[in-house]
PDB file of N, CA and C in Angstrom:
ATOM      1  N   MET A   1      19.218  40.440  30.060  1.00  0.00           N
ATOM      2  CA  MET A   1      20.175  39.441  29.663  1.00  0.00           C
ATOM      3  C   MET A   1      19.894  39.060  28.198  1.00  0.00           C
ATOM      4  N   PRO A   2      20.826  39.194  27.317  1.00  0.00           N
ATOM      5  CA  PRO A   2      20.602  38.803  25.925  1.00  0.00           C
ATOM      6  C   PRO A   2      20.440  37.306  25.714  1.00  0.00           C
ATOM      7  N   ILE A   3      19.650  36.928  24.694  1.00  0.00           N
ATOM      8  CA  ILE A   3      19.456  35.521  24.352  1.00  0.00           C
ATOM      9  C   ILE A   3      20.584  35.101  23.380  1.00  0.00           C
ATOM     10  N   LYS A   4      21.122  33.917  23.704  1.00  0.00           N
ATOM     11  CA  LYS A   4      22.236  33.441  22.847  1.00  0.00           C
ATOM     12  C   LYS A   4      21.686  32.695  21.638  1.00  0.00           C
ATOM     13  N   LYS A   5      22.293  32.954  20.490  1.00  0.00           N
ATOM     14  CA  LYS A   5      21.798  32.438  19.267  1.00  0.00           C
ATOM     15  C   LYS A   5      21.954  30.856  19.233  1.00  0.00           C
ATOM     16  N   LYS A   6      23.030  30.373  19.764  1.00  0.00           N
ATOM     17  CA  LYS A   6      23.287  28.923  19.824  1.00  0.00           C
ATOM     18  C   LYS A   6      22.172  28.178  20.573  1.00  0.00           C
ATOM     19  N   ALA A   7      21.800  28.784  21.664  1.00  0.00           N
ATOM     20  CA  ALA A   7      20.802  28.165  22.512  1.00  0.00           C
ATOM     21  C   ALA A   7      19.474  28.121  21.820  1.00  0.00           C
ATOM     22  N   VAL A   8      19.132  29.179  21.070  1.00  0.00           N
ATOM     23  CA  VAL A   8      17.899  29.274  20.304  1.00  0.00           C
ATOM     24  C   VAL A   8      17.891  28.279  19.226  1.00  0.00           C
ATOM     25  N   LYS A   9      18.996  28.101  18.476  1.00  0.00           N
ATOM     26  CA  LYS A   9      19.138  27.146  17.381  1.00  0.00           C
ATOM     27  C   LYS A   9      18.936  25.718  17.918  1.00  0.00           C
ATOM     28  N   LYS A  10      19.559  25.409  19.036  1.00  0.00           N
ATOM     29  CA  LYS A  10      19.425  24.042  19.602  1.00  0.00           C
ATOM     30  C   LYS A  10      17.968  23.784  20.029  1.00  0.00           C
ATOM     31  N   SER A  11      17.313  24.777  20.556  1.00  0.00           N
ATOM     32  CA  SER A  11      15.929  24.533  21.039  1.00  0.00           C
ATOM     33  C   SER A  11      14.990  24.363  19.825  1.00  0.00           C
ATOM     34  N   ILE A  12      15.294  25.123  18.764  1.00  0.00           N
ATOM     35  CA  ILE A  12      14.474  24.987  17.537  1.00  0.00           C
ATOM     36  C   ILE A  12      14.633  23.620  16.924  1.00  0.00           C
ATOM     37  N   LYS A  13      15.867  23.081  16.890  1.00  0.00           N
ATOM     38  CA  LYS A  13      16.126  21.745  16.391  1.00  0.00           C
ATOM     39  C   LYS A  13      15.451  20.724  17.241  1.00  0.00           C
ATOM     40  N   ALA A  14      15.439  20.821  18.522  1.00  0.00           N
ATOM     41  CA  ALA A  14      14.762  19.904  19.425  1.00  0.00           C
ATOM     42  C   ALA A  14      13.294  19.944  19.199  1.00  0.00           C
ATOM     43  N   VAL A  15      12.684  21.023  18.920  1.00  0.00           N
ATOM     44  CA  VAL A  15      11.253  21.141  18.702  1.00  0.00           C
ATOM     45  C   VAL A  15      10.952  20.487  17.365  1.00  0.00           C
ATOM     46  N   LYS A  16      11.715  20.712  16.332  1.00  0.00           N
ATOM     47  CA  LYS A  16      11.469  20.065  15.017  1.00  0.00           C
ATOM     48  C   LYS A  16      11.585  18.603  15.064  1.00  0.00           C
ATOM     49  N   LYS A  17      12.510  18.040  15.861  1.00  0.00           N
ATOM     50  CA  LYS A  17      12.630  16.601  16.019  1.00  0.00           C
ATOM     51  C   LYS A  17      11.376  16.045  16.706  1.00  0.00           C
ATOM     52  N   ALA A  18      10.934  16.747  17.728  1.00  0.00           N
ATOM     53  CA  ALA A  18       9.789  16.259  18.514  1.00  0.00           C
ATOM     54  C   ALA A  18       8.444  16.310  17.714  1.00  0.00           C
ATOM     55  N   VAL A  19       8.375  17.350  16.793  1.00  0.00           N
ATOM     56  CA  VAL A  19       7.104  17.520  16.021  1.00  0.00           C
ATOM     57  C   VAL A  19       7.300  17.124  14.584  1.00  0.00           C
ATOM     58  N   LYS A  20       7.797  15.921  14.347  1.00  0.00           N
ATOM     59  CA  LYS A  20       7.889  15.446  12.901  1.00  0.00           C
ATOM     60  C   LYS A  20       6.521  15.153  12.361  1.00  0.00           C
ATOM     61  N   ALA A  21       6.401  15.427  11.106  1.00  0.00           N
ATOM     62  CA  ALA A  21       5.172  15.142  10.386  1.00  0.00           C
ATOM     63  C   ALA A  21       4.975  13.624  10.338  1.00  0.00           C
ATOM     64  N   PRO A  22       3.732  13.105  10.502  1.00  0.00           N
ATOM     65  CA  PRO A  22       3.458  11.715  10.413  1.00  0.00           C
ATOM     66  C   PRO A  22       3.889  11.114   9.078  1.00  0.00           C
ATOM     67  N   LYS A  23       4.366   9.901   9.047  1.00  0.00           N
ATOM     68  CA  LYS A  23       4.807   9.275   7.812  1.00  0.00           C
ATOM     69  C   LYS A  23       3.571   8.955   6.979  1.00  0.00           C
ATOM     70  N   VAL A  24       3.541   9.355   5.705  1.00  0.00           N
ATOM     71  CA  VAL A  24       2.426   9.159   4.843  1.00  0.00           C
ATOM     72  C   VAL A  24       2.723   7.918   3.977  1.00  0.00           C
ATOM     73  N   GLU A  25       1.810   6.939   4.053  1.00  0.00           N
ATOM     74  CA  GLU A  25       1.968   5.717   3.311  1.00  0.00           C
ATOM     75  C   GLU A  25       1.659   5.969   1.869  1.00  0.00           C
ATOM     76  N   LYS A  26       2.458   5.349   1.016  1.00  0.00           N
ATOM     77  CA  LYS A  26       2.208   5.467  -0.462  1.00  0.00           C
ATOM     78  C   LYS A  26       1.608   4.137  -0.894  1.00  0.00           C
ATOM     79  N   PRO A  27       0.609   4.188  -1.773  1.00  0.00           N
ATOM     80  CA  PRO A  27       0.037   2.929  -2.273  1.00  0.00           C
ATOM     81  C   PRO A  27       1.013   2.240  -3.175  1.00  0.00           C
ATOM     82  N   ILE A  28       0.977   0.876  -3.115  1.00  0.00           N
ATOM     83  CA  ILE A  28       1.847   0.044  -3.923  1.00  0.00           C
ATOM     84  C   ILE A  28       1.085  -0.507  -5.122  1.00  0.00           C
ATOM     85  N   GLY A  29      -0.207  -0.269  -5.217  1.00  0.00           N
ATOM     86  CA  GLY A  29      -1.038  -0.690  -6.354  1.00  0.00           C
ATOM     87  C   GLY A  29      -2.424  -0.158  -6.311  1.00  0.00           C
ATOM     88  N   ILE A  30      -3.153  -0.530  -7.347  1.00  0.00           N
ATOM     89  CA  ILE A  30      -4.566  -0.094  -7.438  1.00  0.00           C
ATOM     90  C   ILE A  30      -5.359  -1.203  -8.080  1.00  0.00           C
ATOM     91  N   VAL A  31      -6.649  -1.331  -7.666  1.00  0.00           N
ATOM     92  CA  VAL A  31      -7.546  -2.341  -8.163  1.00  0.00           C
ATOM     93  C   VAL A  31      -8.116  -1.760  -9.483  1.00  0.00           C
ATOM     94  N   THR A  32      -7.969  -2.512 -10.608  1.00  0.00           N
ATOM     95  CA  THR A  32      -8.500  -2.086 -11.875  1.00  0.00           C
ATOM     96  C   THR A  32      -9.820  -2.771 -12.249  1.00  0.00           C
ATOM     97  N   HIS A  33     -10.093  -3.915 -11.668  1.00  0.00           N
ATOM     98  CA  HIS A  33     -11.306  -4.656 -11.961  1.00  0.00           C
ATOM     99  C   HIS A  33     -11.545  -5.665 -10.782  1.00  0.00           C
ATOM    100  N   PHE A  34     -12.836  -6.095 -10.636  1.00  0.00           N
ATOM    101  CA  PHE A  34     -13.147  -7.074  -9.634  1.00  0.00           C
ATOM    102  C   PHE A  34     -14.193  -8.060 -10.227  1.00  0.00           C
ATOM    103  N   PHE A  35     -13.934  -9.364 -10.041  1.00  0.00           N
ATOM    104  CA  PHE A  35     -14.823 -10.398 -10.486  1.00  0.00           C
ATOM    105  C   PHE A  35     -15.458 -10.952  -9.215  1.00  0.00           C
ATOM    106  N   GLY A  36     -16.720 -10.610  -8.960  1.00  0.00           N
ATOM    107  CA  GLY A  36     -17.384 -10.922  -7.692  1.00  0.00           C
ATOM    108  C   GLY A  36     -17.663 -12.419  -7.511  1.00  0.00           C
ATOM    109  N   LYS A  37     -18.039 -13.125  -8.594  1.00  0.00           N
ATOM    110  CA  LYS A  37     -18.387 -14.563  -8.412  1.00  0.00           C
ATOM    111  C   LYS A  37     -17.275 -15.360  -7.970  1.00  0.00           C
ATOM    112  N   ILE A  38     -16.014 -15.012  -8.342  1.00  0.00           N
ATOM    113  CA  ILE A  38     -14.869 -15.833  -7.972  1.00  0.00           C
ATOM    114  C   ILE A  38     -13.902 -15.091  -7.010  1.00  0.00           C
ATOM    115  N   ASN A  39     -14.335 -13.871  -6.569  1.00  0.00           N
ATOM    116  CA  ASN A  39     -13.598 -13.081  -5.598  1.00  0.00           C
ATOM    117  C   ASN A  39     -12.108 -12.894  -6.066  1.00  0.00           C
ATOM    118  N   VAL A  40     -11.941 -12.392  -7.286  1.00  0.00           N
ATOM    119  CA  VAL A  40     -10.648 -12.074  -7.808  1.00  0.00           C
ATOM    120  C   VAL A  40     -10.575 -10.640  -8.211  1.00  0.00           C
ATOM    121  N   ALA A  41      -9.499  -9.982  -7.773  1.00  0.00           N
ATOM    122  CA  ALA A  41      -9.301  -8.590  -8.070  1.00  0.00           C
ATOM    123  C   ALA A  41      -8.130  -8.486  -9.062  1.00  0.00           C
ATOM    124  N   ILE A  42      -8.324  -7.696 -10.120  1.00  0.00           N
ATOM    125  CA  ILE A  42      -7.238  -7.417 -11.064  1.00  0.00           C
ATOM    126  C   ILE A  42      -6.566  -6.161 -10.510  1.00  0.00           C
ATOM    127  N   VAL A  43      -5.243  -6.281 -10.320  1.00  0.00           N
ATOM    128  CA  VAL A  43      -4.494  -5.276  -9.625  1.00  0.00           C
ATOM    129  C   VAL A  43      -3.306  -4.854 -10.485  1.00  0.00           C
ATOM    130  N   LYS A  44      -3.042  -3.578 -10.554  1.00  0.00           N
ATOM    131  CA  LYS A  44      -1.821  -3.078 -11.186  1.00  0.00           C
ATOM    132  C   LYS A  44      -0.818  -2.570 -10.117  1.00  0.00           C
ATOM    133  N   PHE A  45       0.279  -3.222  -9.969  1.00  0.00           N
ATOM    134  CA  PHE A  45       1.251  -2.884  -8.950  1.00  0.00           C
ATOM    135  C   PHE A  45       2.351  -1.864  -9.479  1.00  0.00           C
ATOM    136  N   LYS A  46       2.740  -1.037  -8.553  1.00  0.00           N
ATOM    137  CA  LYS A  46       3.762  -0.019  -8.797  1.00  0.00           C
ATOM    138  C   LYS A  46       5.167  -0.492  -8.530  1.00  0.00           C
ATOM    139  N   LYS A  47       5.259  -1.678  -7.955  1.00  0.00           N
ATOM    140  CA  LYS A  47       6.608  -2.241  -7.654  1.00  0.00           C
ATOM    141  C   LYS A  47       6.393  -3.798  -7.575  1.00  0.00           C
ATOM    142  N   PRO A  48       7.508  -4.558  -7.703  1.00  0.00           N
ATOM    143  CA  PRO A  48       7.428  -6.009  -7.655  1.00  0.00           C
ATOM    144  C   PRO A  48       6.861  -6.527  -6.333  1.00  0.00           C
ATOM    145  N   ILE A  49       5.936  -7.471  -6.400  1.00  0.00           N
ATOM    146  CA  ILE A  49       5.254  -7.978  -5.223  1.00  0.00           C
ATOM    147  C   ILE A  49       5.375  -9.536  -5.268  1.00  0.00           C
ATOM    148  N   LYS A  50       5.593 -10.151  -4.110  1.00  0.00           N
ATOM    149  CA  LYS A  50       5.662 -11.576  -3.998  1.00  0.00           C
ATOM    150  C   LYS A  50       4.442 -12.187  -3.351  1.00  0.00           C
ATOM    151  N   VAL A  51       4.171 -13.418  -3.687  1.00  0.00           N
ATOM    152  CA  VAL A  51       3.115 -14.161  -2.988  1.00  0.00           C
ATOM    153  C   VAL A  51       3.534 -14.340  -1.477  1.00  0.00           C
ATOM    154  N   GLY A  52       2.551 -14.155  -0.555  1.00  0.00           N
ATOM    155  CA  GLY A  52       2.856 -14.187   0.874  1.00  0.00           C
ATOM    156  C   GLY A  52       2.943 -12.869   1.549  1.00  0.00           C
ATOM    157  N   LEU A  53       3.060 -11.805   0.726  1.00  0.00           N
ATOM    158  CA  LEU A  53       3.115 -10.467   1.314  1.00  0.00           C
ATOM    159  C   LEU A  53       1.781 -10.082   1.906  1.00  0.00           C
ATOM    160  N   ALA A  54       1.802  -9.404   3.129  1.00  0.00           N
ATOM    161  CA  ALA A  54       0.573  -8.933   3.684  1.00  0.00           C
ATOM    162  C   ALA A  54       0.276  -7.546   3.026  1.00  0.00           C
ATOM    163  N   ILE A  55      -0.967  -7.363   2.515  1.00  0.00           N
ATOM    164  CA  ILE A  55      -1.407  -6.177   1.922  1.00  0.00           C
ATOM    165  C   ILE A  55      -2.690  -5.674   2.540  1.00  0.00           C
ATOM    166  N   ALA A  56      -3.005  -4.401   2.319  1.00  0.00           N
ATOM    167  CA  ALA A  56      -4.216  -3.823   2.818  1.00  0.00           C
ATOM    168  C   ALA A  56      -4.935  -3.105   1.665  1.00  0.00           C
ATOM    169  N   PHE A  57      -6.234  -3.376   1.549  1.00  0.00           N
ATOM    170  CA  PHE A  57      -7.080  -2.733   0.596  1.00  0.00           C
ATOM    171  C   PHE A  57      -7.759  -1.549   1.251  1.00  0.00           C
ATOM    172  N   ARG A  58      -7.675  -0.405   0.655  1.00  0.00           N
ATOM    173  CA  ARG A  58      -8.349   0.760   1.235  1.00  0.00           C
ATOM    174  C   ARG A  58      -9.097   1.546   0.167  1.00  0.00           C
ATOM    175  N   GLY A  59     -10.300   1.939   0.467  1.00  0.00           N
ATOM    176  CA  GLY A  59     -11.099   2.791  -0.501  1.00  0.00           C
ATOM    177  C   GLY A  59     -12.221   3.394   0.264  1.00  0.00           C
ATOM    178  N   ALA A  60     -13.219   3.898  -0.478  1.00  0.00           N
ATOM    179  CA  ALA A  60     -14.313   4.586   0.119  1.00  0.00           C
ATOM    180  C   ALA A  60     -15.163   3.598   0.947  1.00  0.00           C
ATOM    181  N   HIS A  61     -15.345   2.377   0.501  1.00  0.00           N
ATOM    182  CA  HIS A  61     -16.147   1.401   1.297  1.00  0.00           C
ATOM    183  C   HIS A  61     -15.297   0.178   1.606  1.00  0.00           C
ATOM    184  N   THR A  62     -14.019   0.204   1.453  1.00  0.00           N
ATOM    185  CA  THR A  62     -13.193  -0.976   1.621  1.00  0.00           C
ATOM    186  C   THR A  62     -12.053  -0.663   2.610  1.00  0.00           C
ATOM    187  N   ASP A  63     -11.836  -1.552   3.554  1.00  0.00           N
ATOM    188  CA  ASP A  63     -10.720  -1.396   4.447  1.00  0.00           C
ATOM    189  C   ASP A  63     -10.487  -2.787   5.147  1.00  0.00           C
ATOM    190  N   PHE A  64      -9.573  -3.612   4.564  1.00  0.00           N
ATOM    191  CA  PHE A  64      -9.227  -4.878   5.211  1.00  0.00           C
ATOM    192  C   PHE A  64      -7.794  -5.258   4.733  1.00  0.00           C
ATOM    193  N   SER A  65      -7.229  -6.114   5.464  1.00  0.00           N
ATOM    194  CA  SER A  65      -5.877  -6.676   5.142  1.00  0.00           C
ATOM    195  C   SER A  65      -5.962  -8.199   4.980  1.00  0.00           C
ATOM    196  N   GLN A  66      -5.024  -8.623   4.210  1.00  0.00           N
ATOM    197  CA  GLN A  66      -4.858 -10.105   3.912  1.00  0.00           C
ATOM    198  C   GLN A  66      -3.463 -10.360   3.360  1.00  0.00           C
ATOM    199  N   LYS A  67      -3.094 -11.634   3.385  1.00  0.00           N
ATOM    200  CA  LYS A  67      -1.888 -12.082   2.744  1.00  0.00           C
ATOM    201  C   LYS A  67      -2.244 -12.487   1.322  1.00  0.00           C
ATOM    202  N   ILE A  68      -1.316 -12.275   0.409  1.00  0.00           N
ATOM    203  CA  ILE A  68      -1.507 -12.773  -0.966  1.00  0.00           C
ATOM    204  C   ILE A  68      -1.315 -14.261  -1.026  1.00  0.00           C
ATOM    205  N   SER A  69      -2.404 -14.995  -1.238  1.00  0.00           N
ATOM    206  CA  SER A  69      -2.312 -16.447  -1.257  1.00  0.00           C
ATOM    207  C   SER A  69      -1.993 -16.976  -2.691  1.00  0.00           C
ATOM    208  N   SER A  70      -2.539 -16.303  -3.693  1.00  0.00           N
ATOM    209  CA  SER A  70      -2.276 -16.751  -5.044  1.00  0.00           C
ATOM    210  C   SER A  70      -2.393 -15.566  -6.014  1.00  0.00           C
ATOM    211  N   MET A  71      -1.573 -15.613  -7.081  1.00  0.00           N
ATOM    212  CA  MET A  71      -1.585 -14.586  -8.107  1.00  0.00           C
ATOM    213  C   MET A  71      -1.531 -15.331  -9.460  1.00  0.00           C
ATOM    214  N   GLN A  72      -2.131 -14.677 -10.449  1.00  0.00           N
ATOM    215  CA  GLN A  72      -2.087 -15.218 -11.765  1.00  0.00           C
ATOM    216  C   GLN A  72      -1.899 -14.104 -12.804  1.00  0.00           C
ATOM    217  N   PHE A  73      -1.133 -14.429 -13.876  1.00  0.00           N
ATOM    218  CA  PHE A  73      -0.989 -13.559 -15.003  1.00  0.00           C
ATOM    219  C   PHE A  73      -1.225 -14.383 -16.255  1.00  0.00           C
ATOM    220  N   ASP A  74      -2.171 -13.937 -17.097  1.00  0.00           N
ATOM    221  CA  ASP A  74      -2.579 -14.691 -18.302  1.00  0.00           C
ATOM    222  C   ASP A  74      -3.007 -16.128 -17.954  1.00  0.00           C
ATOM    223  N   HIS A  75      -3.731 -16.224 -16.869  1.00  0.00           N
ATOM    224  CA  HIS A  75      -4.294 -17.582 -16.374  1.00  0.00           C
ATOM    225  C   HIS A  75      -3.165 -18.547 -15.972  1.00  0.00           C
ATOM    226  N   GLN A  76      -2.010 -18.082 -15.697  1.00  0.00           N
ATOM    227  CA  GLN A  76      -0.935 -18.888 -15.224  1.00  0.00           C
ATOM    228  C   GLN A  76      -0.483 -18.445 -13.826  1.00  0.00           C
ATOM    229  N   PRO A  77      -0.332 -19.385 -12.881  1.00  0.00           N
ATOM    230  CA  PRO A  77       0.135 -18.999 -11.549  1.00  0.00           C
ATOM    231  C   PRO A  77       1.507 -18.394 -11.587  1.00  0.00           C
ATOM    232  N   ILE A  78       1.730 -17.328 -10.813  1.00  0.00           N
ATOM    233  CA  ILE A  78       3.004 -16.709 -10.697  1.00  0.00           C
ATOM    234  C   ILE A  78       3.359 -16.447  -9.188  1.00  0.00           C
ATOM    235  N   THR A  79       4.636 -16.294  -8.874  1.00  0.00           N
ATOM    236  CA  THR A  79       5.035 -16.020  -7.516  1.00  0.00           C
ATOM    237  C   THR A  79       5.427 -14.590  -7.288  1.00  0.00           C
ATOM    238  N   VAL A  80       5.824 -13.952  -8.374  1.00  0.00           N
ATOM    239  CA  VAL A  80       6.219 -12.501  -8.280  1.00  0.00           C
ATOM    240  C   VAL A  80       5.535 -11.717  -9.365  1.00  0.00           C
ATOM    241  N   ALA A  81       4.881 -10.626  -8.983  1.00  0.00           N
ATOM    242  CA  ALA A  81       4.172  -9.715  -9.951  1.00  0.00           C
ATOM    243  C   ALA A  81       5.195  -8.591 -10.229  1.00  0.00           C
ATOM    244  N   LYS A  82       5.446  -8.404 -11.505  1.00  0.00           N
ATOM    245  CA  LYS A  82       6.355  -7.384 -11.888  1.00  0.00           C
ATOM    246  C   LYS A  82       5.738  -6.022 -11.897  1.00  0.00           C
ATOM    247  N   LYS A  83       6.485  -4.996 -11.750  1.00  0.00           N
ATOM    248  CA  LYS A  83       6.046  -3.601 -11.710  1.00  0.00           C
ATOM    249  C   LYS A  83       5.246  -3.279 -13.014  1.00  0.00           C
ATOM    250  N   GLY A  84       4.090  -2.680 -12.845  1.00  0.00           N
ATOM    251  CA  GLY A  84       3.298  -2.254 -14.046  1.00  0.00           C
ATOM    252  C   GLY A  84       2.415  -3.295 -14.680  1.00  0.00           C
ATOM    253  N   LYS A  85       2.558  -4.574 -14.259  1.00  0.00           N
ATOM    254  CA  LYS A  85       1.739  -5.672 -14.761  1.00  0.00           C
ATOM    255  C   LYS A  85       0.469  -5.720 -14.016  1.00  0.00           C
ATOM    256  N   GLU A  86      -0.618  -6.094 -14.746  1.00  0.00           N
ATOM    257  CA  GLU A  86      -1.927  -6.311 -14.148  1.00  0.00           C
ATOM    258  C   GLU A  86      -2.063  -7.824 -13.880  1.00  0.00           C
ATOM    259  N   VAL A  87      -2.275  -8.164 -12.586  1.00  0.00           N
ATOM    260  CA  VAL A  87      -2.320  -9.547 -12.179  1.00  0.00           C
ATOM    261  C   VAL A  87      -3.661  -9.830 -11.424  1.00  0.00           C
ATOM    262  N   GLY A  88      -4.077 -11.030 -11.465  1.00  0.00           N
ATOM    263  CA  GLY A  88      -5.248 -11.457 -10.681  1.00  0.00           C
ATOM    264  C   GLY A  88      -4.907 -11.948  -9.322  1.00  0.00           C
ATOM    265  N   ILE A  89      -5.560 -11.465  -8.264  1.00  0.00           N
ATOM    266  CA  ILE A  89      -5.321 -11.903  -6.885  1.00  0.00           C
ATOM    267  C   ILE A  89      -6.632 -12.388  -6.332  1.00  0.00           C
ATOM    268  N   LYS A  90      -6.536 -13.490  -5.618  1.00  0.00           N
ATOM    269  CA  LYS A  90      -7.753 -14.022  -4.906  1.00  0.00           C
ATOM    270  C   LYS A  90      -7.861 -13.151  -3.634  1.00  0.00           C
ATOM    271  N   VAL A  91      -9.063 -12.540  -3.408  1.00  0.00           N
ATOM    272  CA  VAL A  91      -9.276 -11.682  -2.243  1.00  0.00           C
ATOM    273  C   VAL A  91     -10.367 -12.272  -1.334  1.00  0.00           C
ATOM    274  N   ALA A  92     -10.245 -11.898  -0.021  1.00  0.00           N
ATOM    275  CA  ALA A  92     -11.148 -12.433   0.981  1.00  0.00           C
ATOM    276  C   ALA A  92     -12.559 -11.708   0.973  1.00  0.00           C
ATOM    277  N   LYS A  93     -12.519 -10.431   0.555  1.00  0.00           N
ATOM    278  CA  LYS A  93     -13.762  -9.623   0.569  1.00  0.00           C
ATOM    279  C   LYS A  93     -13.958  -8.893  -0.742  1.00  0.00           C
ATOM    280  N   LYS A  94     -15.045  -8.233  -0.871  1.00  0.00           N
ATOM    281  CA  LYS A  94     -15.290  -7.425  -2.075  1.00  0.00           C
ATOM    282  C   LYS A  94     -14.401  -6.234  -2.141  1.00  0.00           C
ATOM    283  N   VAL A  95     -13.840  -5.912  -3.258  1.00  0.00           N
ATOM    284  CA  VAL A  95     -13.113  -4.722  -3.473  1.00  0.00           C
ATOM    285  C   VAL A  95     -13.734  -3.953  -4.656  1.00  0.00           C
ATOM    286  N   ARG A  96     -13.360  -2.774  -4.856  1.00  0.00           N
ATOM    287  CA  ARG A  96     -13.960  -1.964  -5.939  1.00  0.00           C
ATOM    288  C   ARG A  96     -12.823  -1.345  -6.822  1.00  0.00           C
ATOM    289  N   GLU A  97     -13.165  -1.049  -8.052  1.00  0.00           N
ATOM    290  CA  GLU A  97     -12.262  -0.393  -8.935  1.00  0.00           C
ATOM    291  C   GLU A  97     -11.804   0.945  -8.300  1.00  0.00           C
ATOM    292  N   GLY A  98     -10.521   1.227  -8.327  1.00  0.00           N
ATOM    293  CA  GLY A  98      -9.982   2.393  -7.749  1.00  0.00           C
ATOM    294  C   GLY A  98      -9.496   2.267  -6.313  1.00  0.00           C
ATOM    295  N   ASP A  99      -9.850   1.132  -5.634  1.00  0.00           N
ATOM    296  CA  ASP A  99      -9.303   0.935  -4.270  1.00  0.00           C
ATOM    297  C   ASP A  99      -7.800   0.868  -4.328  1.00  0.00           C
ATOM    298  N   GLU A 100      -7.165   1.434  -3.384  1.00  0.00           N
ATOM    299  CA  GLU A 100      -5.690   1.419  -3.313  1.00  0.00           C
ATOM    300  C   GLU A 100      -5.210   0.228  -2.474  1.00  0.00           C
ATOM    301  N   ILE A 101      -3.966  -0.193  -2.793  1.00  0.00           N
ATOM    302  CA  ILE A 101      -3.362  -1.243  -2.028  1.00  0.00           C
ATOM    303  C   ILE A 101      -2.104  -0.807  -1.414  1.00  0.00           C
ATOM    304  N   PHE A 102      -2.006  -1.147  -0.113  1.00  0.00           N
ATOM    305  CA  PHE A 102      -0.832  -0.675   0.667  1.00  0.00           C
ATOM    306  C   PHE A 102      -0.126  -1.915   1.300  1.00  0.00           C
ATOM    307  N   ALA A 103       1.165  -1.873   1.523  1.00  0.00           N
ATOM    308  CA  ALA A 103       1.856  -2.888   2.256  1.00  0.00           C
ATOM    309  C   ALA A 103       1.422  -2.854   3.673  1.00  0.00           C
ATOM    310  N   ALA A 104       0.989  -3.962   4.240  1.00  0.00           N
ATOM    311  CA  ALA A 104       0.506  -4.016   5.605  1.00  0.00           C
ATOM    312  C   ALA A 104       1.545  -4.394   6.629  1.00  0.00           C
TER     313      ALA A 104
END
């Protein structure tokens, strides 16, 4: 009995839907500097970010999440960090230069 092409195409589509590749997260920013005494990270964002957003820091030795409680640009408090600007963020734990930031 010959195999019907339509039935094969439908089964291939069903398999492709079932075996989708996992969604890969893209970083929204990167840590460029860290001031340990005051626990402030200087971060360069790839898109606009608001105070209150939950973010995750990930790197070789870093993996934690927190909400952005305060941000500063040129020593002035801000509520929105523009794309490409380097801003200071108060962090809960130590971060390192090169750590990536993801939306949590």
